[in-house]
């Protein structure tokens, strides 16, 4: 069958992402073919397009990690899903498409009373937040958590999860326009990051010790967050947004400068201060099918509210969606729909 995809043959620029039509093979025995309704955008997509993400496939590839849609075909060994089922899913790249084949290990039923946009906004954000907080951060009751990019999809879910442990949460954002959202989400303290971020954080902490940091920015923000981390504290890093660009391609001179001046942690000082830095990306879980499914089961038991959809775009406006994501104005999830009225 024919499908439409956004494919990139050479990394480096968003302008290299082209809409084309191509053939899609029949699903293999353990796969289903999904007609996609919504696609979730992530910063990992941008870094893959720019060639700055080590997990990016070599050569020509289709970006995109998460999607929702309807099963229209299935392989002979598929027992748990049927044609017509509404599903949400993960793809190790390849979601920027009208249709795709995917192994059943990476799809789940669309939750009841959820629409496709909400479904496509769940997996990457919730799994990232849960793995960072629970698995790596080992969150306990009444801890203090610093969450950067607090109005983004991961940040919102991280705060909701942390509140299940009665945590004191501090959220940081880059714009005052996002303050009301963070108040509504129940953050205890809100920081609009400025040049004096370290002093802002010290004031927000008050009598609290900083136990866990969810870090996705890098640079001086990483350095200052780590410096205030309490003994036995853990900084979980899963992104470096300071390497992002508002243009179609990053400036190589700026990239080199940021890389050479990036924070460096002395292992001997880590021993003396009893602090930990832990890093991960969600792609690593791709080969851990049983763990991935286990974590998602645990997330569902938390009974969290639906994701926040910041803005929706049409499939033919994919470049506008990406530009909006990289603008820093977005909150919650940016999604792309393959039809005008899918819900």
Foldseek 3Di string as FASTA:
>chain_A
DKKWAFKAQDAFFLVRGDIDIDDADAAAQQKFKWQFFKFFDDVVQVCLRRVNDPLRDPGMFGAGFKTKGFTQGHHNNDDPDDGGFTKIFTDSGDPRMRMHMDGPLTIDGQDPPDFRHLRRQPQQQQVVLCCQCCVVLVDAAAAEEEEEPLQEANNLNNLLVNVVRVYQYEYEAQDPVCVVVVVVSPHNHYHNDDPPNLVVVVVSCVVHQHAEYEDAAFDPVVVSSQVRHAANHEYEYEHHLVQADLHRGGDVVVNVVCVVRTDDDDPVVCVVRNYYYHYDYPVVCVVVSVVSVVSVVVSVVSVDDTWDEFEEEESVVVVVLVSVVNVSPTGTIYMYGPDDDRD
